[in-house]
PDB file of N, CA and C in Angstrom:
ATOM      1  N   UNK A   1      17.832   7.858 -16.413  1.00  0.00           N
ATOM      2  CA  UNK A   1      17.013   8.337 -15.322  1.00  0.00           C
ATOM      3  C   UNK A   1      17.680   7.958 -14.003  1.00  0.00           C
ATOM      4  N   UNK A   2      17.685   8.862 -13.053  1.00  0.00           N
ATOM      5  CA  UNK A   2      18.276   8.612 -11.733  1.00  0.00           C
ATOM      6  C   UNK A   2      17.307   7.859 -10.837  1.00  0.00           C
ATOM      7  N   UNK A   3      17.868   7.119  -9.897  1.00  0.00           N
ATOM      8  CA  UNK A   3      17.057   6.400  -8.923  1.00  0.00           C
ATOM      9  C   UNK A   3      17.557   6.765  -7.528  1.00  0.00           C
ATOM     10  N   UNK A   4      16.644   7.051  -6.624  1.00  0.00           N
ATOM     11  CA  UNK A   4      16.986   7.458  -5.264  1.00  0.00           C
ATOM     12  C   UNK A   4      16.139   6.675  -4.273  1.00  0.00           C
ATOM     13  N   UNK A   5      16.739   6.255  -3.163  1.00  0.00           N
ATOM     14  CA  UNK A   5      16.007   5.598  -2.084  1.00  0.00           C
ATOM     15  C   UNK A   5      15.675   6.645  -1.032  1.00  0.00           C
ATOM     16  N   UNK A   6      14.426   6.676  -0.589  1.00  0.00           N
ATOM     17  CA  UNK A   6      13.979   7.561   0.476  1.00  0.00           C
ATOM     18  C   UNK A   6      13.537   6.701   1.653  1.00  0.00           C
ATOM     19  N   UNK A   7      13.921   7.079   2.857  1.00  0.00           N
ATOM     20  CA  UNK A   7      13.546   6.338   4.050  1.00  0.00           C
ATOM     21  C   UNK A   7      12.718   7.251   4.943  1.00  0.00           C
ATOM     22  N   UNK A   8      11.564   6.762   5.365  1.00  0.00           N
ATOM     23  CA  UNK A   8      10.656   7.526   6.203  1.00  0.00           C
ATOM     24  C   UNK A   8      10.466   6.819   7.536  1.00  0.00           C
ATOM     25  N   UNK A   9      10.241   7.600   8.569  1.00  0.00           N
ATOM     26  CA  UNK A   9       9.848   7.049   9.857  1.00  0.00           C
ATOM     27  C   UNK A   9       8.451   7.573  10.131  1.00  0.00           C
ATOM     28  N   UNK A  10       7.512   6.673  10.382  1.00  0.00           N
ATOM     29  CA  UNK A  10       6.118   7.036  10.593  1.00  0.00           C
ATOM     30  C   UNK A  10       5.693   6.520  11.956  1.00  0.00           C
ATOM     31  N   UNK A  11       5.097   7.399  12.761  1.00  0.00           N
ATOM     32  CA  UNK A  11       4.566   6.978  14.059  1.00  0.00           C
ATOM     33  C   UNK A  11       3.052   6.879  13.912  1.00  0.00           C
ATOM     34  N   UNK A  12       2.520   5.706  14.193  1.00  0.00           N
ATOM     35  CA  UNK A  12       1.110   5.407  13.970  1.00  0.00           C
ATOM     36  C   UNK A  12       0.439   5.098  15.295  1.00  0.00           C
ATOM     37  N   UNK A  13      -0.663   5.782  15.573  1.00  0.00           N
ATOM     38  CA  UNK A  13      -1.468   5.449  16.742  1.00  0.00           C
ATOM     39  C   UNK A  13      -2.600   4.546  16.283  1.00  0.00           C
ATOM     40  N   UNK A  14      -2.814   3.448  17.017  1.00  0.00           N
ATOM     41  CA  UNK A  14      -3.867   2.500  16.648  1.00  0.00           C
ATOM     42  C   UNK A  14      -4.408   1.827  17.891  1.00  0.00           C
ATOM     43  N   UNK A  15      -5.592   1.265  17.762  1.00  0.00           N
ATOM     44  CA  UNK A  15      -6.196   0.524  18.863  1.00  0.00           C
ATOM     45  C   UNK A  15      -5.419  -0.766  19.092  1.00  0.00           C
ATOM     46  N   UNK A  16      -5.427  -1.272  20.324  1.00  0.00           N
ATOM     47  CA  UNK A  16      -4.671  -2.500  20.625  1.00  0.00           C
ATOM     48  C   UNK A  16      -5.037  -3.683  19.730  1.00  0.00           C
ATOM     49  N   UNK A  17      -6.276  -3.787  19.296  1.00  0.00           N
ATOM     50  CA  UNK A  17      -6.696  -4.912  18.464  1.00  0.00           C
ATOM     51  C   UNK A  17      -6.367  -4.754  16.997  1.00  0.00           C
ATOM     52  N   UNK A  18      -5.973  -3.557  16.573  1.00  0.00           N
ATOM     53  CA  UNK A  18      -5.654  -3.324  15.166  1.00  0.00           C
ATOM     54  C   UNK A  18      -4.294  -3.899  14.805  1.00  0.00           C
ATOM     55  N   UNK A  19      -4.158  -4.286  13.561  1.00  0.00           N
ATOM     56  CA  UNK A  19      -2.923  -4.878  13.061  1.00  0.00           C
ATOM     57  C   UNK A  19      -2.066  -3.803  12.397  1.00  0.00           C
ATOM     58  N   UNK A  20      -0.913  -3.425  12.987  1.00  0.00           N
ATOM     59  CA  UNK A  20      -0.078  -2.389  12.386  1.00  0.00           C
ATOM     60  C   UNK A  20       0.518  -2.807  11.040  1.00  0.00           C
ATOM     61  N   UNK A  21       0.702  -4.110  10.821  1.00  0.00           N
ATOM     62  CA  UNK A  21       1.206  -4.576   9.532  1.00  0.00           C
ATOM     63  C   UNK A  21       0.217  -4.250   8.410  1.00  0.00           C
ATOM     64  N   UNK A  22      -1.062  -4.378   8.710  1.00  0.00           N
ATOM     65  CA  UNK A  22      -2.099  -4.076   7.723  1.00  0.00           C
ATOM     66  C   UNK A  22      -2.069  -2.589   7.373  1.00  0.00           C
ATOM     67  N   UNK A  23      -1.930  -1.733   8.381  1.00  0.00           N
ATOM     68  CA  UNK A  23      -1.848  -0.293   8.130  1.00  0.00           C
ATOM     69  C   UNK A  23      -0.597   0.033   7.317  1.00  0.00           C
ATOM     70  N   UNK A  24       0.518  -0.619   7.635  1.00  0.00           N
ATOM     71  CA  UNK A  24       1.752  -0.402   6.882  1.00  0.00           C
ATOM     72  C   UNK A  24       1.622  -0.804   5.427  1.00  0.00           C
ATOM     73  N   UNK A  25       0.951  -1.925   5.188  1.00  0.00           N
ATOM     74  CA  UNK A  25       0.744  -2.379   3.805  1.00  0.00           C
ATOM     75  C   UNK A  25      -0.127  -1.384   3.045  1.00  0.00           C
ATOM     76  N   UNK A  26      -1.134  -0.833   3.711  1.00  0.00           N
ATOM     77  CA  UNK A  26      -2.003   0.147   3.062  1.00  0.00           C
ATOM     78  C   UNK A  26      -1.233   1.441   2.765  1.00  0.00           C
ATOM     79  N   UNK A  27      -0.375   1.858   3.659  1.00  0.00           N
ATOM     80  CA  UNK A  27       0.460   3.046   3.413  1.00  0.00           C
ATOM     81  C   UNK A  27       1.340   2.819   2.186  1.00  0.00           C
ATOM     82  N   UNK A  28       1.933   1.647   2.080  1.00  0.00           N
ATOM     83  CA  UNK A  28       2.762   1.324   0.906  1.00  0.00           C
ATOM     84  C   UNK A  28       1.941   1.377  -0.378  1.00  0.00           C
ATOM     85  N   UNK A  29       0.746   0.800  -0.359  1.00  0.00           N
ATOM     86  CA  UNK A  29      -0.122   0.828  -1.546  1.00  0.00           C
ATOM     87  C   UNK A  29      -0.455   2.257  -1.948  1.00  0.00           C
ATOM     88  N   UNK A  30      -0.747   3.097  -0.959  1.00  0.00           N
ATOM     89  CA  UNK A  30      -1.097   4.486  -1.258  1.00  0.00           C
ATOM     90  C   UNK A  30       0.090   5.261  -1.823  1.00  0.00           C
ATOM     91  N   UNK A  31       1.273   5.026  -1.286  1.00  0.00           N
ATOM     92  CA  UNK A  31       2.476   5.685  -1.812  1.00  0.00           C
ATOM     93  C   UNK A  31       2.691   5.296  -3.266  1.00  0.00           C
ATOM     94  N   UNK A  32       2.531   4.018  -3.572  1.00  0.00           N
ATOM     95  CA  UNK A  32       2.709   3.555  -4.951  1.00  0.00           C
ATOM     96  C   UNK A  32       1.662   4.162  -5.874  1.00  0.00           C
ATOM     97  N   UNK A  33       0.424   4.217  -5.419  1.00  0.00           N
ATOM     98  CA  UNK A  33      -0.665   4.719  -6.261  1.00  0.00           C
ATOM     99  C   UNK A  33      -0.564   6.230  -6.456  1.00  0.00           C
ATOM    100  N   UNK A  34      -0.395   6.975  -5.383  1.00  0.00           N
ATOM    101  CA  UNK A  34      -0.428   8.441  -5.457  1.00  0.00           C
ATOM    102  C   UNK A  34       0.821   9.006  -6.128  1.00  0.00           C
ATOM    103  N   UNK A  35       1.978   8.458  -5.789  1.00  0.00           N
ATOM    104  CA  UNK A  35       3.226   9.024  -6.293  1.00  0.00           C
ATOM    105  C   UNK A  35       3.823   8.248  -7.456  1.00  0.00           C
ATOM    106  N   UNK A  36       3.235   7.126  -7.804  1.00  0.00           N
ATOM    107  CA  UNK A  36       3.724   6.355  -8.937  1.00  0.00           C
ATOM    108  C   UNK A  36       5.122   5.799  -8.740  1.00  0.00           C
ATOM    109  N   UNK A  37       5.460   5.475  -7.489  1.00  0.00           N
ATOM    110  CA  UNK A  37       6.791   4.925  -7.230  1.00  0.00           C
ATOM    111  C   UNK A  37       6.859   3.486  -7.721  1.00  0.00           C
ATOM    112  N   UNK A  38       8.057   3.030  -8.011  1.00  0.00           N
ATOM    113  CA  UNK A  38       8.247   1.671  -8.517  1.00  0.00           C
ATOM    114  C   UNK A  38       8.049   0.625  -7.434  1.00  0.00           C
ATOM    115  N   UNK A  39       8.473   0.951  -6.199  1.00  0.00           N
ATOM    116  CA  UNK A  39       8.459  -0.049  -5.137  1.00  0.00           C
ATOM    117  C   UNK A  39       8.381   0.648  -3.787  1.00  0.00           C
ATOM    118  N   UNK A  40       7.559   0.142  -2.900  1.00  0.00           N
ATOM    119  CA  UNK A  40       7.483   0.618  -1.516  1.00  0.00           C
ATOM    120  C   UNK A  40       7.313  -0.604  -0.628  1.00  0.00           C
ATOM    121  N   UNK A  41       8.015  -0.632   0.495  1.00  0.00           N
ATOM    122  CA  UNK A  41       7.889  -1.766   1.400  1.00  0.00           C
ATOM    123  C   UNK A  41       7.986  -1.318   2.846  1.00  0.00           C
ATOM    124  N   UNK A  42       7.352  -2.077   3.701  1.00  0.00           N
ATOM    125  CA  UNK A  42       7.466  -1.890   5.135  1.00  0.00           C
ATOM    126  C   UNK A  42       8.619  -2.774   5.593  1.00  0.00           C
ATOM    127  N   UNK A  43       9.697  -2.160   6.049  1.00  0.00           N
ATOM    128  CA  UNK A  43      10.888  -2.949   6.366  1.00  0.00           C
ATOM    129  C   UNK A  43      10.945  -3.407   7.817  1.00  0.00           C
ATOM    130  N   UNK A  44      10.303  -2.674   8.733  1.00  0.00           N
ATOM    131  CA  UNK A  44      10.308  -3.112  10.132  1.00  0.00           C
ATOM    132  C   UNK A  44       9.210  -2.406  10.905  1.00  0.00           C
ATOM    133  N   UNK A  45       8.832  -3.012  12.016  1.00  0.00           N
ATOM    134  CA  UNK A  45       7.860  -2.436  12.928  1.00  0.00           C
ATOM    135  C   UNK A  45       8.449  -2.509  14.329  1.00  0.00           C
ATOM    136  N   UNK A  46       8.433  -1.408  15.032  1.00  0.00           N
ATOM    137  CA  UNK A  46       8.929  -1.350  16.394  1.00  0.00           C
ATOM    138  C   UNK A  46       7.819  -0.852  17.299  1.00  0.00           C
ATOM    139  N   UNK A  47       7.442  -1.645  18.281  1.00  0.00           N
ATOM    140  CA  UNK A  47       6.400  -1.255  19.209  1.00  0.00           C
ATOM    141  C   UNK A  47       6.996  -0.304  20.245  1.00  0.00           C
ATOM    142  N   UNK A  48       6.300   0.800  20.493  1.00  0.00           N
ATOM    143  CA  UNK A  48       6.759   1.799  21.454  1.00  0.00           C
ATOM    144  C   UNK A  48       6.008   1.608  22.751  1.00  0.00           C
ATOM    145  N   UNK A  49       6.726   1.356  23.809  1.00  0.00           N
ATOM    146  CA  UNK A  49       6.120   1.218  25.140  1.00  0.00           C
ATOM    147  C   UNK A  49       6.038   2.592  25.770  1.00  0.00           C
ATOM    148  N   UNK A  50       4.866   2.939  26.275  1.00  0.00           N
ATOM    149  CA  UNK A  50       4.685   4.268  26.872  1.00  0.00           C
ATOM    150  C   UNK A  50       4.826   4.227  28.352  1.00  0.00           C
TER     151      UNK A  50
END
């Protein structure tokens, strides 16, 4: 069986008090559950100044 790494960039809008790490962890859980992937991780977070 072949194995492939996919890299995604996601832009998330959230309230100032919300924790983006928590949202990232939930996105990883959903990817694993819905698509049955072996492993998903949040590798970095970059804050965008407007």
